[in-house]
């Protein structure tokens, strides 16, 4: 939600909400027997600055639901690769920092959750890197097919956890959006 815009709308300041999906411990081979990690929403200020070279996004968020009681900060650069009347395609790179409470909640293993092959682990603060593409394809007068493909490289605080299988985490999505 944008609260303040520059006259040319190239600089915007507002509030952002990001869903942080938890996980059901019984669904994973490495997490079976642990406590579930709850869904949470990170809330905080956001800044978007559009330049002739691309768009810089920055945001800070805290866990509004108190699942982790943590916070994170993200810096992202987005550049239009294709901007036509049909297909829109963007490339993006970013870095996200999570404090120790956020990382430990999602990647840590409490002593009571330790098991053979899964030692206790306390995750500290750390960063992760992202790169990918996202875009939209018009569908009807007011709709669009939204899509994206992203790879996240976990930092050591996350990747060294005994419940993490791979340092590189892929994400692909397809969805539908419309304007009111």
C-alpha atoms as a PDB file:
ATOM      1  CA  UNK A   1       0.000   0.000   0.000  1.00  0.00           C
ATOM      2  CA  UNK A   2       1.609   3.219  -1.177  1.00  0.00           C
ATOM      3  CA  UNK A   3       1.179   6.162   1.200  1.00  0.00           C
ATOM      4  CA  UNK A   4       3.386   8.852  -0.357  1.00  0.00           C
ATOM      5  CA  UNK A   5       4.255   9.386  -4.036  1.00  0.00           C
ATOM      6  CA  UNK A   6       6.526  11.864  -5.759  1.00  0.00           C
ATOM      7  CA  UNK A   7       4.827  13.993  -8.442  1.00  0.00           C
ATOM      8  CA  UNK A   8       6.126  11.700 -11.208  1.00  0.00           C
ATOM      9  CA  UNK A   9       5.393   8.563  -9.096  1.00  0.00           C
ATOM     10  CA  UNK A  10       8.996   7.390  -9.525  1.00  0.00           C
ATOM     11  CA  UNK A  11       9.544   7.469  -5.766  1.00  0.00           C
ATOM     12  CA  UNK A  12       6.968   5.798  -3.536  1.00  0.00           C
ATOM     13  CA  UNK A  13       6.905   5.102   0.187  1.00  0.00           C
ATOM     14  CA  UNK A  14       4.389   2.829   1.841  1.00  0.00           C
ATOM     15  CA  UNK A  15       3.688  -0.289   3.843  1.00  0.00           C
ATOM     16  CA  UNK A  16       4.340  -3.859   2.732  1.00  0.00           C
ATOM     17  CA  UNK A  17       2.992  -7.188   3.943  1.00  0.00           C
ATOM     18  CA  UNK A  18       4.776 -10.429   3.047  1.00  0.00           C
ATOM     19  CA  UNK A  19       3.447 -13.895   3.808  1.00  0.00           C
ATOM     20  CA  UNK A  20       5.923 -16.241   5.413  1.00  0.00           C
ATOM     21  CA  UNK A  21       4.624 -19.760   5.013  1.00  0.00           C
ATOM     22  CA  UNK A  22       5.482 -22.125   7.817  1.00  0.00           C
ATOM     23  CA  UNK A  23       5.670 -25.862   7.482  1.00  0.00           C
ATOM     24  CA  UNK A  24       4.100 -29.003   8.877  1.00  0.00           C
ATOM     25  CA  UNK A  25       6.894 -31.029  10.467  1.00  0.00           C
ATOM     26  CA  UNK A  26       5.221 -34.359   9.699  1.00  0.00           C
ATOM     27  CA  UNK A  27       5.403 -33.616   5.953  1.00  0.00           C
ATOM     28  CA  UNK A  28       9.206 -33.713   5.796  1.00  0.00           C
ATOM     29  CA  UNK A  29      11.674 -36.530   6.201  1.00  0.00           C
ATOM     30  CA  UNK A  30      14.158 -34.232   7.965  1.00  0.00           C
ATOM     31  CA  UNK A  31      11.572 -32.485  10.156  1.00  0.00           C
ATOM     32  CA  UNK A  32       9.400 -35.416  11.264  1.00  0.00           C
ATOM     33  CA  UNK A  33       9.003 -35.271  15.048  1.00  0.00           C
ATOM     34  CA  UNK A  34       9.737 -31.543  15.298  1.00  0.00           C
ATOM     35  CA  UNK A  35       7.226 -28.823  16.140  1.00  0.00           C
ATOM     36  CA  UNK A  36       5.387 -27.210  13.202  1.00  0.00           C
ATOM     37  CA  UNK A  37       6.423 -23.705  12.152  1.00  0.00           C
ATOM     38  CA  UNK A  38       3.470 -21.330  11.895  1.00  0.00           C
ATOM     39  CA  UNK A  39       2.355 -19.098   9.032  1.00  0.00           C
ATOM     40  CA  UNK A  40       3.259 -15.456   9.687  1.00  0.00           C
ATOM     41  CA  UNK A  41       3.010 -12.064   8.028  1.00  0.00           C
ATOM     42  CA  UNK A  42       5.903  -9.620   7.979  1.00  0.00           C
ATOM     43  CA  UNK A  43       4.774  -5.964   8.048  1.00  0.00           C
ATOM     44  CA  UNK A  44       6.854  -2.841   7.634  1.00  0.00           C
ATOM     45  CA  UNK A  45       7.828   0.179   5.565  1.00  0.00           C
ATOM     46  CA  UNK A  46       8.657  -0.130   1.870  1.00  0.00           C
ATOM     47  CA  UNK A  47      10.341   2.147  -0.654  1.00  0.00           C
ATOM     48  CA  UNK A  48      10.234   1.913  -4.452  1.00  0.00           C
ATOM     49  CA  UNK A  49      12.470   4.100  -6.627  1.00  0.00           C
ATOM     50  CA  UNK A  50      12.064   3.828 -10.397  1.00  0.00           C
ATOM     51  CA  UNK A  51      15.079   4.959 -12.410  1.00  0.00           C
ATOM     52  CA  UNK A  52      15.880   4.888 -16.111  1.00  0.00           C
ATOM     53  CA  UNK A  53      17.895   1.700 -15.461  1.00  0.00           C
ATOM     54  CA  UNK A  54      15.363  -0.225 -13.382  1.00  0.00           C
ATOM     55  CA  UNK A  55      13.508  -0.189 -10.098  1.00  0.00           C
ATOM     56  CA  UNK A  56      15.059  -0.394  -6.660  1.00  0.00           C
ATOM     57  CA  UNK A  57      12.836  -1.851  -3.910  1.00  0.00           C
ATOM     58  CA  UNK A  58      13.717  -1.758  -0.225  1.00  0.00           C
ATOM     59  CA  UNK A  59      11.686  -2.944   2.715  1.00  0.00           C
ATOM     60  CA  UNK A  60      11.988  -3.828   6.361  1.00  0.00           C
ATOM     61  CA  UNK A  61       9.525  -6.103   8.126  1.00  0.00           C
ATOM     62  CA  UNK A  62       8.782  -7.547  11.522  1.00  0.00           C
ATOM     63  CA  UNK A  63       6.805 -10.676  12.293  1.00  0.00           C
ATOM     64  CA  UNK A  64       3.390  -9.174  13.039  1.00  0.00           C
ATOM     65  CA  UNK A  65       1.967 -12.490  14.249  1.00  0.00           C
ATOM     66  CA  UNK A  66       4.855 -13.186  16.650  1.00  0.00           C
ATOM     67  CA  UNK A  67       5.577 -16.695  15.331  1.00  0.00           C
ATOM     68  CA  UNK A  68       9.323 -16.004  15.202  1.00  0.00           C
ATOM     69  CA  UNK A  69       9.332 -12.539  16.828  1.00  0.00           C
ATOM     70  CA  UNK A  70      11.972 -11.766  14.192  1.00  0.00           C
ATOM     71  CA  UNK A  71      12.612  -9.199  11.513  1.00  0.00           C
ATOM     72  CA  UNK A  72      14.038  -9.011   8.020  1.00  0.00           C
ATOM     73  CA  UNK A  73      15.223  -6.462   5.478  1.00  0.00           C
ATOM     74  CA  UNK A  74      15.260  -6.799   1.708  1.00  0.00           C
ATOM     75  CA  UNK A  75      16.894  -4.898  -1.138  1.00  0.00           C
ATOM     76  CA  UNK A  76      15.902  -5.807  -4.704  1.00  0.00           C
ATOM     77  CA  UNK A  77      16.680  -4.495  -8.189  1.00  0.00           C
ATOM     78  CA  UNK A  78      14.162  -5.163 -10.979  1.00  0.00           C
ATOM     79  CA  UNK A  79      14.787  -4.434 -14.655  1.00  0.00           C
ATOM     80  CA  UNK A  80      12.263  -4.726 -17.478  1.00  0.00           C
ATOM     81  CA  UNK A  81      13.479  -7.198 -20.100  1.00  0.00           C
ATOM     82  CA  UNK A  82      10.371  -7.137 -22.320  1.00  0.00           C
ATOM     83  CA  UNK A  83       7.727  -4.429 -21.988  1.00  0.00           C
ATOM     84  CA  UNK A  84       5.224  -4.854 -24.799  1.00  0.00           C
ATOM     85  CA  UNK A  85       1.470  -4.577 -25.122  1.00  0.00           C
ATOM     86  CA  UNK A  86       1.335  -8.325 -24.551  1.00  0.00           C
ATOM     87  CA  UNK A  87       4.133  -9.974 -22.634  1.00  0.00           C
ATOM     88  CA  UNK A  88       5.856  -8.157 -19.780  1.00  0.00           C
ATOM     89  CA  UNK A  89       8.998  -9.820 -18.432  1.00  0.00           C
ATOM     90  CA  UNK A  90      11.291  -8.564 -15.653  1.00  0.00           C
ATOM     91  CA  UNK A  91      14.655  -9.763 -14.393  1.00  0.00           C
ATOM     92  CA  UNK A  92      15.434  -9.346 -10.709  1.00  0.00           C
ATOM     93  CA  UNK A  93      18.243  -9.756  -8.215  1.00  0.00           C
ATOM     94  CA  UNK A  94      18.022  -9.246  -4.490  1.00  0.00           C
ATOM     95  CA  UNK A  95      19.424  -9.809  -1.050  1.00  0.00           C
ATOM     96  CA  UNK A  96      17.455 -10.512   2.123  1.00  0.00           C
ATOM     97  CA  UNK A  97      18.739 -10.336   5.691  1.00  0.00           C
ATOM     98  CA  UNK A  98      16.962 -12.226   8.486  1.00  0.00           C
ATOM     99  CA  UNK A  99      17.798 -11.650  12.134  1.00  0.00           C
ATOM    100  CA  UNK A 100      18.708 -14.606  14.354  1.00  0.00           C
ATOM    101  CA  UNK A 101      15.172 -15.015  15.741  1.00  0.00           C
ATOM    102  CA  UNK A 102      13.670 -15.301  12.237  1.00  0.00           C
ATOM    103  CA  UNK A 103      16.345 -17.730  11.022  1.00  0.00           C
ATOM    104  CA  UNK A 104      16.321 -19.792  14.195  1.00  0.00           C
ATOM    105  CA  UNK A 105      12.523 -20.172  14.130  1.00  0.00           C
ATOM    106  CA  UNK A 106      12.431 -21.509  10.562  1.00  0.00           C
ATOM    107  CA  UNK A 107      15.852 -23.240  10.335  1.00  0.00           C
ATOM    108  CA  UNK A 108      16.805 -24.026  13.935  1.00  0.00           C
ATOM    109  CA  UNK A 109      16.455 -27.358  15.729  1.00  0.00           C
ATOM    110  CA  UNK A 110      15.709 -27.053  19.453  1.00  0.00           C
ATOM    111  CA  UNK A 111      17.414 -29.575  21.759  1.00  0.00           C
ATOM    112  CA  UNK A 112      13.980 -31.159  22.366  1.00  0.00           C
ATOM    113  CA  UNK A 113      13.642 -31.652  18.570  1.00  0.00           C
ATOM    114  CA  UNK A 114      17.038 -33.311  18.115  1.00  0.00           C
ATOM    115  CA  UNK A 115      16.997 -36.907  16.927  1.00  0.00           C
ATOM    116  CA  UNK A 116      19.445 -39.403  15.396  1.00  0.00           C
ATOM    117  CA  UNK A 117      20.762 -37.736  12.232  1.00  0.00           C
ATOM    118  CA  UNK A 118      19.285 -34.369  13.303  1.00  0.00           C
ATOM    119  CA  UNK A 119      21.447 -32.588  15.883  1.00  0.00           C
ATOM    120  CA  UNK A 120      20.289 -29.496  17.743  1.00  0.00           C
ATOM    121  CA  UNK A 121      21.087 -26.356  15.739  1.00  0.00           C
ATOM    122  CA  UNK A 122      20.843 -22.660  16.535  1.00  0.00           C
ATOM    123  CA  UNK A 123      20.695 -20.486  13.405  1.00  0.00           C
ATOM    124  CA  UNK A 124      22.151 -17.001  13.613  1.00  0.00           C
ATOM    125  CA  UNK A 125      21.409 -13.923  11.534  1.00  0.00           C
ATOM    126  CA  UNK A 126      22.283 -14.157   7.871  1.00  0.00           C
ATOM    127  CA  UNK A 127      21.577 -13.219   4.297  1.00  0.00           C
ATOM    128  CA  UNK A 128      20.207 -14.992   1.258  1.00  0.00           C
ATOM    129  CA  UNK A 129      20.555 -14.032  -2.399  1.00  0.00           C
ATOM    130  CA  UNK A 130      17.790 -14.187  -5.022  1.00  0.00           C
ATOM    131  CA  UNK A 131      17.768 -14.041  -8.812  1.00  0.00           C
ATOM    132  CA  UNK A 132      14.989 -14.715 -11.246  1.00  0.00           C
ATOM    133  CA  UNK A 133      12.349 -13.498 -13.655  1.00  0.00           C
ATOM    134  CA  UNK A 134       8.680 -12.601 -13.296  1.00  0.00           C
ATOM    135  CA  UNK A 135       6.083 -11.345 -15.678  1.00  0.00           C
ATOM    136  CA  UNK A 136       2.537 -11.035 -16.873  1.00  0.00           C
ATOM    137  CA  UNK A 137       0.556 -11.919 -19.970  1.00  0.00           C
ATOM    138  CA  UNK A 138      -2.814 -10.174 -20.620  1.00  0.00           C
ATOM    139  CA  UNK A 139      -5.889 -12.393 -20.271  1.00  0.00           C
ATOM    140  CA  UNK A 140      -9.109 -10.571 -21.115  1.00  0.00           C
ATOM    141  CA  UNK A 141      -9.850  -6.886 -20.624  1.00  0.00           C
ATOM    142  CA  UNK A 142      -8.900  -6.646 -16.961  1.00  0.00           C
ATOM    143  CA  UNK A 143      -6.956  -9.809 -16.194  1.00  0.00           C
ATOM    144  CA  UNK A 144      -3.414 -11.121 -16.468  1.00  0.00           C
ATOM    145  CA  UNK A 145      -1.648 -14.435 -16.104  1.00  0.00           C
ATOM    146  CA  UNK A 146       1.172 -13.841 -13.612  1.00  0.00           C
ATOM    147  CA  UNK A 147       4.266 -16.052 -13.522  1.00  0.00           C
ATOM    148  CA  UNK A 148       7.738 -16.235 -12.075  1.00  0.00           C
ATOM    149  CA  UNK A 149      10.825 -18.364 -11.657  1.00  0.00           C
ATOM    150  CA  UNK A 150      13.258 -17.620  -8.840  1.00  0.00           C
ATOM    151  CA  UNK A 151      16.319 -19.214  -7.278  1.00  0.00           C
ATOM    152  CA  UNK A 152      17.339 -18.358  -3.725  1.00  0.00           C
ATOM    153  CA  UNK A 153      20.809 -19.161  -2.400  1.00  0.00           C
ATOM    154  CA  UNK A 154      20.600 -19.635   1.346  1.00  0.00           C
ATOM    155  CA  UNK A 155      23.317 -18.133   3.516  1.00  0.00           C
ATOM    156  CA  UNK A 156      25.347 -20.343   5.855  1.00  0.00           C
ATOM    157  CA  UNK A 157      23.114 -19.590   8.867  1.00  0.00           C
ATOM    158  CA  UNK A 158      20.259 -21.280   6.984  1.00  0.00           C
ATOM    159  CA  UNK A 159      22.044 -23.794   4.725  1.00  0.00           C
ATOM    160  CA  UNK A 160      24.066 -25.318   7.590  1.00  0.00           C
ATOM    161  CA  UNK A 161      20.852 -26.368   9.358  1.00  0.00           C
ATOM    162  CA  UNK A 162      20.382 -30.155   9.538  1.00  0.00           C
ATOM    163  CA  UNK A 163      16.823 -29.761   8.182  1.00  0.00           C
ATOM    164  CA  UNK A 164      17.936 -28.076   4.933  1.00  0.00           C
ATOM    165  CA  UNK A 165      18.505 -30.387   1.971  1.00  0.00           C
ATOM    166  CA  UNK A 166      19.987 -27.932  -0.570  1.00  0.00           C
ATOM    167  CA  UNK A 167      21.503 -24.467  -0.411  1.00  0.00           C
ATOM    168  CA  UNK A 168      19.743 -23.439  -3.642  1.00  0.00           C
ATOM    169  CA  UNK A 169      15.959 -23.164  -3.249  1.00  0.00           C
ATOM    170  CA  UNK A 170      13.961 -22.915  -6.519  1.00  0.00           C
ATOM    171  CA  UNK A 171      10.492 -21.370  -6.750  1.00  0.00           C
ATOM    172  CA  UNK A 172       8.108 -21.293  -9.706  1.00  0.00           C
ATOM    173  CA  UNK A 173       4.600 -19.898  -9.717  1.00  0.00           C
ATOM    174  CA  UNK A 174       1.677 -19.181 -12.017  1.00  0.00           C
ATOM    175  CA  UNK A 175      -1.392 -17.196 -11.027  1.00  0.00           C
ATOM    176  CA  UNK A 176      -4.166 -14.945 -12.222  1.00  0.00           C
ATOM    177  CA  UNK A 177      -4.684 -11.296 -11.330  1.00  0.00           C
ATOM    178  CA  UNK A 178      -7.306  -8.758 -12.279  1.00  0.00           C
ATOM    179  CA  UNK A 179      -7.999  -5.065 -11.807  1.00  0.00           C
ATOM    180  CA  UNK A 180     -11.175  -3.849 -10.205  1.00  0.00           C
END
